[in-house]
C-alpha cells in the first residue's frame, strides 16, 4: 500500500469520525431548531385566535382539526394564564396511526369570559430528523470520499511523479557502472532534499565499492607473488642434501601452510566478487551438462577413497545462472561430499528441473546444521578444509535466489538446492 493510499484512508477514517460526531450534534441542533420554530408558529396562531375572539368571531367558527376552543368557568382571576407548550400524540390525518405533535394550551379572557384555547401542529419526529441527518451525512461522506480518492490519484500522478522517478532510478542503479545517477529535477523542496541526499549516498557507495574492489583485487594478486616465491624457495630447500627427517617435515609443513594460505586468499576473493555481483552474466545454461562434467572431473578422486557414485541426472535442465558460478556451486558441493565421506562410502547426485540433491555417507557434523554455511565452519573437523566451501555455495544461492537445505540422519548427509 503506497503513501497516498494510506494517507487517503487515514483522512477518510478521520472524516468518518468527525461526521459521526458532527451528525449527533447536528441531530440535536436540528431537533431544537424545529421545536423552537414550531413553538413560534403555535404562539403566533394562539395570538391570532385570541384576537379573533376579541373581535367577536364565534369560537365555533374557529374550530378545526388543529384548534380546540372551549369556555371555562370558575376562574377567580381575570388575568391571562401563561401558555404551556408540550409534546403529545395525535391521530395522523391520513394514516391509521398516531404521530408526534406539538401543542400549546392557554386560557384567554375575552369580554369577561374565559376561553381555553388549544392549538396543535405536526412536529417532525425524531426518526425523521435522524434519517434526514444520516442521509445528509452519508451523501456528504460519499462525495467527500470520492473527491479525496480523485485528489489522491491526481496527487500520485502529478505531484509525486518526481518521487516515483527517483525510486525508479534507484531501482535500476548499478553500482559497477560509472554512469552518473541523474535524478529528475523538481520544484518541491522535500524532493530536492531527497535527491541531493540520494546522490551523495550513491557517490559515497560508488567510492567505497571501488576502494573495496581495488583492495580485494590487489590483495589477492599481490599475495600470490610472495607466496609463490616462498613455495619455490621451500622446494629448493627441500632438494638440499644432508636434510634430516625433522627438517624435511618442517619444510613440508610450511609448504602445506603456504598452499592453504593461497587457497584461502582465492576463496575470500571469490566471495568478495560474488558479494559485489561481478558475476552478472545470467543466461540460460545447460545445468545438466555442468553437473555431468563436474562428476567426471571428481571420479578419480572418489575412486581413491573407494566411493561409489550414483547419478540420476535429468537431461537439458536449463537455469539462468552465470556458468562460472554454476560450476563452482556443483564443484564445491561434490568436493565437500568426497572430503567428508568415509572409506567405502557412497555419493548420490540427483538433478531435476526443480532441485539438485546430493546425498553421501559420512560422520556426523560437529557444529549445528544452520552453522555449516557460515564462513570457516568445518563439518567434520578436517584440517585440510578451509571452511569456506559451503559459505561460497550459500552465497551463490543467495545471489541467484536459490534455497539450500541441509539434513543429517542415520549417517547420511543430504544437501538440496531448490531452484
Protein backbone atom coordinates (compact mmCIF):
# COMPACT_ATOMS: atom_id res chain seq x y z
CA UNK A 1 0.00 0.00 0.00
CA UNK A 2 1.57 3.27 -1.09
CA UNK A 3 1.82 6.50 0.88
CA UNK A 4 -1.01 8.28 -0.92
CA UNK A 5 -3.43 5.39 -0.35
CA UNK A 6 -2.56 5.20 3.35
CA UNK A 7 -2.95 8.96 3.73
CA UNK A 8 -6.31 8.88 1.95
CA UNK A 9 -7.59 6.06 4.15
CA UNK A 10 -6.49 7.94 7.27
CA UNK A 11 -8.27 11.06 6.02
CA UNK A 12 -11.41 9.05 5.26
CA UNK A 13 -11.36 7.49 8.72
CA UNK A 14 -10.88 10.90 10.33
CA UNK A 15 -13.72 12.32 8.22
CA UNK A 16 -15.96 9.40 9.24
CA UNK A 17 -15.29 10.07 12.94
CA UNK A 18 -15.80 13.82 12.51
CA UNK A 19 -19.02 13.30 10.57
CA UNK A 20 -20.30 10.87 13.21
CA UNK A 21 -19.72 13.39 15.99
CA UNK A 22 -21.00 16.20 13.78
CA UNK A 23 -24.08 14.14 12.89
CA UNK A 24 -25.00 13.75 16.57
CA UNK A 25 -24.56 17.46 17.19
CA UNK A 26 -26.49 18.27 14.02
CA UNK A 27 -29.31 15.96 15.07
CA UNK A 28 -29.83 17.70 18.42
CA UNK A 29 -29.37 21.11 16.82
CA UNK A 30 -31.99 20.42 14.14
CA UNK A 31 -34.37 18.96 16.72
CA UNK A 32 -34.11 22.04 18.93
CA UNK A 33 -34.48 24.38 15.97
CA UNK A 34 -37.56 22.53 14.70
CA UNK A 35 -39.10 22.63 18.17
CA UNK A 36 -38.36 26.34 18.52
CA UNK A 37 -39.85 27.16 15.11
CA UNK A 38 -42.91 25.01 15.83
CA UNK A 39 -43.44 26.77 19.16
CA UNK A 40 -43.12 30.12 17.43
CA UNK A 41 -45.77 29.12 14.88
CA UNK A 42 -48.06 27.86 17.67
CA UNK A 43 -47.61 31.07 19.63
CA UNK A 44 -48.47 33.16 16.57
CA UNK A 45 -51.54 31.03 15.87
CA UNK A 46 -52.59 31.26 19.52
CA UNK A 47 -52.44 35.05 19.37
CA UNK A 48 -54.40 35.13 16.13
CA UNK A 49 -57.17 33.04 17.72
CA UNK A 50 -57.21 35.29 20.80
CA UNK A 51 -57.50 38.36 18.58
CA UNK A 52 -60.32 36.77 16.59
CA UNK A 53 -62.27 36.05 19.79
CA UNK A 54 -61.76 39.65 20.91
CA UNK A 55 -63.16 40.83 17.58
CA UNK A 56 -66.35 38.91 18.26
CA UNK A 57 -65.88 35.94 15.97
CA UNK A 58 -67.69 32.94 17.48
CA UNK A 59 -65.47 30.16 18.78
CA UNK A 60 -67.39 27.54 16.78
CA UNK A 61 -66.21 29.11 13.55
CA UNK A 62 -62.53 28.97 14.62
CA UNK A 63 -62.53 25.27 15.41
CA UNK A 64 -60.73 22.75 13.17
CA UNK A 65 -58.56 19.64 13.49
CA UNK A 66 -55.73 21.66 14.98
CA UNK A 67 -57.72 24.09 17.14
CA UNK A 68 -59.88 23.34 20.17
CA UNK A 69 -61.63 26.24 21.99
CA UNK A 70 -63.88 25.79 24.97
CA UNK A 71 -65.35 28.21 27.52
CA UNK A 72 -64.28 27.62 31.10
CA UNK A 73 -65.70 28.95 34.34
CA UNK A 74 -64.72 29.15 37.92
CA UNK A 75 -61.60 31.24 37.36
CA UNK A 76 -61.13 33.78 40.12
CA UNK A 77 -58.61 35.94 38.35
CA UNK A 78 -59.21 37.95 35.23
CA UNK A 79 -55.57 37.73 34.21
CA UNK A 80 -54.48 35.61 31.26
CA UNK A 81 -52.85 32.31 32.11
CA UNK A 82 -49.39 31.60 30.74
CA UNK A 83 -49.47 29.28 27.69
CA UNK A 84 -47.91 25.87 28.23
CA UNK A 85 -46.03 24.06 25.42
CA UNK A 86 -45.73 20.27 25.39
CA UNK A 87 -45.45 17.19 23.16
CA UNK A 88 -48.42 14.99 22.55
CA UNK A 89 -49.62 12.10 20.39
CA UNK A 90 -52.49 12.65 17.97
CA UNK A 91 -54.14 10.74 15.20
CA UNK A 92 -52.48 11.06 11.81
CA UNK A 93 -54.82 12.86 9.40
CA UNK A 94 -54.29 10.33 6.61
CA UNK A 95 -52.74 7.21 8.10
CA UNK A 96 -54.21 4.87 10.71
CA UNK A 97 -51.62 5.66 13.31
CA UNK A 98 -50.70 8.28 15.82
CA UNK A 99 -47.88 10.72 15.37
CA UNK A 100 -45.91 13.13 17.48
CA UNK A 101 -47.33 16.66 17.61
CA UNK A 102 -46.57 19.84 19.45
CA UNK A 103 -49.30 21.73 21.29
CA UNK A 104 -49.84 24.92 23.26
CA UNK A 105 -52.62 25.30 25.84
CA UNK A 106 -53.66 28.58 27.42
CA UNK A 107 -56.64 30.45 28.86
CA UNK A 108 -57.65 33.81 27.44
CA UNK A 109 -60.17 36.34 28.90
CA UNK A 110 -62.42 37.86 26.25
CA UNK A 111 -65.19 40.32 27.34
CA UNK A 112 -65.47 38.83 30.82
CA UNK A 113 -65.45 35.26 29.58
CA UNK A 114 -62.59 32.79 29.82
CA UNK A 115 -61.72 30.54 26.88
CA UNK A 116 -59.40 27.57 26.96
CA UNK A 117 -57.51 27.58 23.67
CA UNK A 118 -55.50 24.55 22.46
CA UNK A 119 -53.53 24.64 19.23
CA UNK A 120 -51.66 21.62 17.83
CA UNK A 121 -49.22 21.35 14.97
CA UNK A 122 -47.32 18.49 13.41
CA UNK A 123 -43.92 18.11 14.97
CA UNK A 124 -41.17 16.44 12.93
CA UNK A 125 -40.46 13.12 14.61
CA UNK A 126 -37.04 12.18 15.93
CA UNK A 127 -36.86 9.28 13.48
CA UNK A 128 -37.43 11.65 10.59
CA UNK A 129 -34.75 14.01 11.87
CA UNK A 130 -32.38 11.08 12.38
CA UNK A 131 -32.99 9.73 8.89
CA UNK A 132 -32.53 13.15 7.37
CA UNK A 133 -29.26 13.77 9.20
CA UNK A 134 -27.93 10.30 8.35
CA UNK A 135 -28.83 10.66 4.70
CA UNK A 136 -27.25 14.09 4.51
CA UNK A 137 -24.07 12.96 6.25
CA UNK A 138 -23.88 9.81 4.12
CA UNK A 139 -24.18 11.78 0.91
CA UNK A 140 -21.58 14.22 2.13
CA UNK A 141 -19.20 11.41 3.15
CA UNK A 142 -19.57 9.64 -0.19
CA UNK A 143 -19.00 12.89 -2.05
CA UNK A 144 -16.01 13.77 0.11
CA UNK A 145 -14.60 10.22 -0.15
CA UNK A 146 -14.87 10.28 -3.92
CA UNK A 147 -13.25 13.71 -4.02
CA UNK A 148 -10.38 12.52 -1.80
CA UNK A 149 -9.83 9.42 -3.92
CA UNK A 150 -9.77 11.50 -7.08
CA UNK A 151 -7.49 14.04 -5.44
CA UNK A 152 -5.11 11.32 -4.21
CA UNK A 153 -4.97 9.86 -7.71
CA UNK A 154 -4.13 13.27 -9.17
CA UNK A 155 -1.52 13.88 -6.46
CA UNK A 156 0.09 10.49 -7.04
CA UNK A 157 0.06 11.05 -10.79
CA UNK A 158 1.44 14.58 -10.92
CA UNK A 159 2.77 15.80 -7.56
CA UNK A 160 4.59 12.57 -6.69
CA UNK A 161 5.86 11.92 -10.20
CA UNK A 162 9.43 13.12 -9.35
CA UNK A 163 9.44 10.83 -6.32
CA UNK A 164 8.37 7.85 -8.45
CA UNK A 165 11.08 8.64 -10.99
CA UNK A 166 13.66 8.83 -8.20
CA UNK A 167 12.60 5.37 -6.97
CA UNK A 168 12.85 4.00 -10.50
CA UNK A 169 16.36 5.44 -10.88
CA UNK A 170 17.44 3.90 -7.59
CA UNK A 171 15.87 0.56 -8.54
CA UNK A 172 17.81 0.39 -11.80
CA UNK A 173 21.03 1.79 -10.38
CA UNK A 174 24.09 -0.38 -10.97
CA UNK A 175 26.99 0.22 -8.63
CA UNK A 176 29.51 -1.26 -11.04
CA UNK A 177 28.76 1.24 -13.79
CA UNK A 178 30.41 4.64 -13.86
CA UNK A 179 27.38 6.39 -15.33
CA UNK A 180 26.23 9.21 -13.01
CA UNK A 181 22.89 8.96 -11.29
CA UNK A 182 20.85 11.72 -12.91
CA UNK A 183 17.69 12.37 -10.90
CA UNK A 184 14.71 14.31 -12.15
CA UNK A 185 14.70 17.98 -11.20
CA UNK A 186 11.67 19.14 -9.22
CA UNK A 187 10.35 22.34 -7.65
CA UNK A 188 9.28 20.54 -4.47
CA UNK A 189 11.74 21.30 -1.69
CA UNK A 190 11.42 17.92 0.08
CA UNK A 191 12.03 16.04 -3.17
CA UNK A 192 15.06 18.21 -3.93
CA UNK A 193 16.47 17.39 -0.49
CA UNK A 194 15.80 13.69 -1.05
CA UNK A 195 17.51 13.74 -4.45
CA UNK A 196 20.53 15.56 -3.04
CA UNK A 197 20.84 13.00 -0.22
CA UNK A 198 20.47 10.06 -2.62
CA UNK A 199 23.14 11.49 -4.95
CA UNK A 200 25.54 11.93 -2.02
CA UNK A 201 24.91 8.37 -0.81
CA UNK A 202 25.38 6.97 -4.32
CA UNK A 203 28.68 8.81 -4.75
CA UNK A 204 29.90 7.53 -1.39
CA UNK A 205 28.75 3.97 -2.14
CA UNK A 206 30.50 4.05 -5.52
CA UNK A 207 33.74 5.30 -3.95
CA UNK A 208 33.58 2.67 -1.21
CA UNK A 209 32.83 -0.03 -3.78
CA UNK A 210 35.81 0.96 -5.89
CA UNK A 211 38.07 1.04 -2.83
CA UNK A 212 36.99 -2.40 -1.63
CA UNK A 213 37.15 -3.83 -5.14
CA UNK A 214 40.65 -2.47 -5.75
CA UNK A 215 41.83 -3.64 -2.33
CA UNK A 216 40.48 -7.17 -2.79
CA UNK A 217 41.91 -7.45 -6.29
CA UNK A 218 45.29 -6.04 -5.29
CA UNK A 219 45.44 -8.11 -2.13
CA UNK A 220 44.55 -11.29 -3.98
CA UNK A 221 47.04 -10.59 -6.76
CA UNK A 222 49.90 -9.31 -4.65
CA UNK A 223 49.59 -12.13 -2.13
CA UNK A 224 50.13 -14.77 -4.77
CA UNK A 225 53.56 -13.47 -5.81
CA UNK A 226 55.34 -13.69 -2.43
CA UNK A 227 53.55 -16.95 -1.71
CA UNK A 228 54.81 -18.41 -4.99
CA UNK A 229 58.32 -17.18 -4.23
CA UNK A 230 58.21 -18.68 -0.74
CA UNK A 231 56.93 -22.01 -2.05
CA UNK A 232 59.62 -22.06 -4.73
CA UNK A 233 62.38 -21.44 -2.21
CA UNK A 234 60.99 -24.13 0.06
CA UNK A 235 61.07 -26.57 -2.85
CA UNK A 236 64.70 -25.65 -3.49
CA UNK A 237 65.43 -26.05 0.17
CA UNK A 238 63.74 -29.44 0.16
CA UNK A 239 66.11 -30.59 -2.60
CA UNK A 240 69.11 -29.62 -0.50
CA UNK A 241 71.33 -32.52 0.59
CA UNK A 242 72.02 -33.52 4.16
CA UNK A 243 68.49 -32.69 5.42
CA UNK A 244 67.38 -34.80 8.32
CA UNK A 245 63.87 -36.11 8.81
CA UNK A 246 62.75 -33.31 11.15
CA UNK A 247 63.91 -30.57 8.79
CA UNK A 248 62.14 -32.24 5.86
CA UNK A 249 58.92 -32.45 7.89
CA UNK A 250 59.09 -28.78 8.83
CA UNK A 251 59.63 -27.74 5.21
CA UNK A 252 56.69 -29.85 4.02
CA UNK A 253 54.50 -28.40 6.80
CA UNK A 254 55.45 -24.87 5.70
CA UNK A 255 54.60 -25.75 2.10
CA UNK A 256 51.19 -27.02 3.17
CA UNK A 257 50.52 -23.85 5.16
CA UNK A 258 51.50 -21.67 2.22
CA UNK A 259 49.27 -23.68 -0.10
CA UNK A 260 46.40 -23.33 2.34
CA UNK A 261 47.01 -19.57 2.62
CA UNK A 262 46.98 -19.26 -1.17
CA UNK A 263 43.69 -21.13 -1.43
CA UNK A 264 42.28 -19.02 1.40
CA UNK A 265 43.10 -15.81 -0.47
CA UNK A 266 41.50 -17.12 -3.62
CA UNK A 267 38.35 -18.23 -1.76
CA UNK A 268 37.96 -14.90 0.04
CA UNK A 269 38.50 -13.02 -3.22
CA UNK A 270 35.82 -15.18 -4.83
CA UNK A 271 33.38 -14.39 -2.01
CA UNK A 272 34.10 -10.69 -2.43
CA UNK A 273 33.45 -10.87 -6.16
CA UNK A 274 30.17 -12.68 -5.58
CA UNK A 275 29.14 -10.07 -2.99
CA UNK A 276 29.98 -7.30 -5.44
CA UNK A 277 27.89 -9.09 -8.12
CA UNK A 278 30.78 -9.18 -10.55
CA UNK A 279 29.32 -12.39 -11.97
CA UNK A 280 26.42 -10.55 -13.55
CA UNK A 281 26.12 -12.66 -16.70
CA UNK A 282 22.94 -14.66 -16.26
CA UNK A 283 21.89 -16.61 -19.33
CA UNK A 284 20.15 -19.89 -19.96
CA UNK A 285 22.77 -22.60 -19.43
CA UNK A 286 22.53 -26.37 -19.61
CA UNK A 287 22.95 -27.17 -15.92
CA UNK A 288 22.78 -30.89 -16.63
CA UNK A 289 25.97 -30.62 -18.67
CA UNK A 290 27.71 -28.68 -15.86
CA UNK A 291 26.80 -31.37 -13.32
CA UNK A 292 27.93 -34.21 -15.58
CA UNK A 293 31.30 -32.57 -16.34
CA UNK A 294 31.88 -31.92 -12.67
CA UNK A 295 31.18 -35.55 -11.73
CA UNK A 296 33.59 -36.73 -14.42
CA UNK A 297 36.30 -34.46 -13.01
CA UNK A 298 35.88 -35.86 -9.49
CA UNK A 299 35.52 -39.57 -10.35
CA UNK A 300 39.23 -40.28 -9.94
CA UNK A 301 39.31 -38.54 -6.58
CA UNK A 302 36.29 -40.54 -5.44
CA UNK A 303 37.91 -43.81 -6.52
CA UNK A 304 40.89 -43.10 -4.27
CA UNK A 305 38.52 -43.37 -1.28
CA UNK A 306 36.59 -46.30 -2.80
CA UNK A 307 33.44 -44.20 -3.07
CA UNK A 308 30.52 -45.32 -5.17
CA UNK A 309 28.92 -42.68 -7.43
CA UNK A 310 25.16 -42.88 -8.08
CA UNK A 311 23.78 -40.48 -10.68
CA UNK A 312 20.27 -39.50 -11.66
CA UNK A 313 20.71 -36.54 -13.97
CA UNK A 314 17.72 -35.20 -15.88
CA UNK A 315 18.68 -34.10 -19.37
CA UNK A 316 18.67 -30.48 -20.55
CA UNK A 317 17.87 -28.73 -17.26
CA UNK A 318 18.01 -25.03 -18.17
CA UNK A 319 18.86 -22.48 -15.47
CA UNK A 320 19.60 -18.76 -15.51
CA UNK A 321 22.97 -18.62 -13.78
CA UNK A 322 26.47 -17.49 -14.55
CA UNK A 323 28.26 -20.60 -15.91
CA UNK A 324 31.32 -20.00 -13.72
CA UNK A 325 29.20 -19.76 -10.59
CA UNK A 326 27.23 -22.83 -11.63
CA UNK A 327 30.45 -24.84 -11.97
CA UNK A 328 31.76 -23.54 -8.61
CA UNK A 329 28.43 -24.41 -6.95
CA UNK A 330 28.46 -28.05 -8.09
CA UNK A 331 32.23 -28.48 -7.63
CA UNK A 332 32.20 -27.28 -4.03
CA UNK A 333 29.26 -29.49 -3.12
CA UNK A 334 30.76 -32.63 -4.72
CA UNK A 335 34.24 -31.93 -3.37
CA UNK A 336 32.72 -31.44 0.09
CA UNK A 337 30.94 -34.83 -0.09
CA UNK A 338 34.19 -36.58 -1.07
CA UNK A 339 36.32 -34.86 1.57
CA UNK A 340 33.94 -35.60 4.45
CA UNK A 341 32.96 -39.11 3.32
CA UNK A 342 34.07 -42.39 4.84
CA UNK A 343 36.18 -45.11 3.27
CA UNK A 344 34.00 -47.31 1.07
CA UNK A 345 31.02 -44.95 1.28
CA UNK A 346 28.77 -43.67 -1.47
CA UNK A 347 27.59 -40.45 -3.08
CA UNK A 348 24.26 -39.98 -4.85
CA UNK A 349 23.64 -36.98 -7.10
CA UNK A 350 20.13 -36.25 -8.37
CA UNK A 351 19.18 -33.35 -10.68
CA UNK A 352 15.69 -32.35 -11.79
CA UNK A 353 14.23 -29.16 -13.15
CA UNK A 354 13.31 -28.10 -9.59
CA UNK A 355 16.29 -29.06 -7.47
CA UNK A 356 19.76 -30.52 -7.11
CA UNK A 357 20.08 -33.14 -4.35
CA UNK A 358 23.37 -34.63 -3.15
CA UNK A 359 23.42 -37.43 -0.56
CA UNK A 360 26.53 -39.03 0.91
CA UNK A 361 27.69 -41.11 3.80
CA UNK A 362 29.90 -39.56 6.45
CA UNK A 363 30.46 -38.77 10.10
CA UNK A 364 28.05 -36.54 11.97
CA UNK A 365 28.89 -32.81 11.82
CA UNK A 366 30.47 -31.26 14.90
CA UNK A 367 28.56 -27.98 14.55
CA UNK A 368 24.89 -27.16 14.27
CA UNK A 369 23.44 -27.66 10.76
CA UNK A 370 22.50 -23.98 10.45
CA UNK A 371 26.13 -23.00 11.12
CA UNK A 372 27.67 -25.17 8.38
CA UNK A 373 27.10 -22.47 5.76
CA UNK A 374 28.92 -19.80 7.76
CA UNK A 375 32.50 -18.92 6.98
CA UNK A 376 35.31 -21.02 8.50
CA UNK A 377 32.94 -23.70 9.79
CA UNK A 378 34.13 -27.28 9.30
CA UNK A 379 31.58 -30.04 9.45
CA UNK A 380 33.85 -32.93 10.38
CA UNK A 381 36.87 -31.08 11.63
CA UNK A 382 39.02 -31.68 8.58
CA UNK A 383 42.37 -29.91 8.80
CA UNK A 384 42.59 -29.73 5.02
CA UNK A 385 39.32 -27.84 4.71
CA UNK A 386 39.24 -24.03 4.74
CA UNK A 387 35.67 -23.92 5.95
CA UNK A 388 34.64 -21.70 3.03
CA UNK A 389 33.23 -24.19 0.52
CA UNK A 390 29.66 -24.20 1.82
CA UNK A 391 29.83 -20.46 2.52
CA UNK A 392 30.61 -19.90 -1.16
CA UNK A 393 27.76 -22.26 -2.11
CA UNK A 394 25.32 -20.35 0.08
CA UNK A 395 26.44 -17.01 -1.35
CA UNK A 396 25.94 -18.29 -4.91
CA UNK A 397 22.45 -19.49 -3.96
CA UNK A 398 21.60 -16.11 -2.43
CA UNK A 399 22.59 -14.08 -5.49
CA UNK A 400 20.55 -16.43 -7.72
CA UNK A 401 17.53 -16.64 -5.37
CA UNK A 402 18.02 -20.36 -4.75
CA UNK A 403 17.18 -22.06 -1.47
CA UNK A 404 19.64 -24.50 0.08
CA UNK A 405 18.80 -27.03 2.83
CA UNK A 406 20.93 -29.46 4.82
CA UNK A 407 19.85 -32.56 6.77
CA UNK A 408 21.68 -35.37 8.55
CA UNK A 409 20.11 -38.63 9.67
CA UNK A 410 21.35 -42.22 10.15
CA UNK A 411 24.86 -41.43 8.95
CA UNK A 412 23.68 -39.80 5.70
CA UNK A 413 24.18 -36.14 4.76
CA UNK A 414 21.65 -34.57 2.39
CA UNK A 415 22.07 -31.18 0.75
CA UNK A 416 19.36 -29.91 -1.59
CA UNK A 417 19.40 -26.77 -3.73
CA UNK A 418 15.92 -25.64 -4.77
CA UNK A 419 15.88 -23.57 -7.94
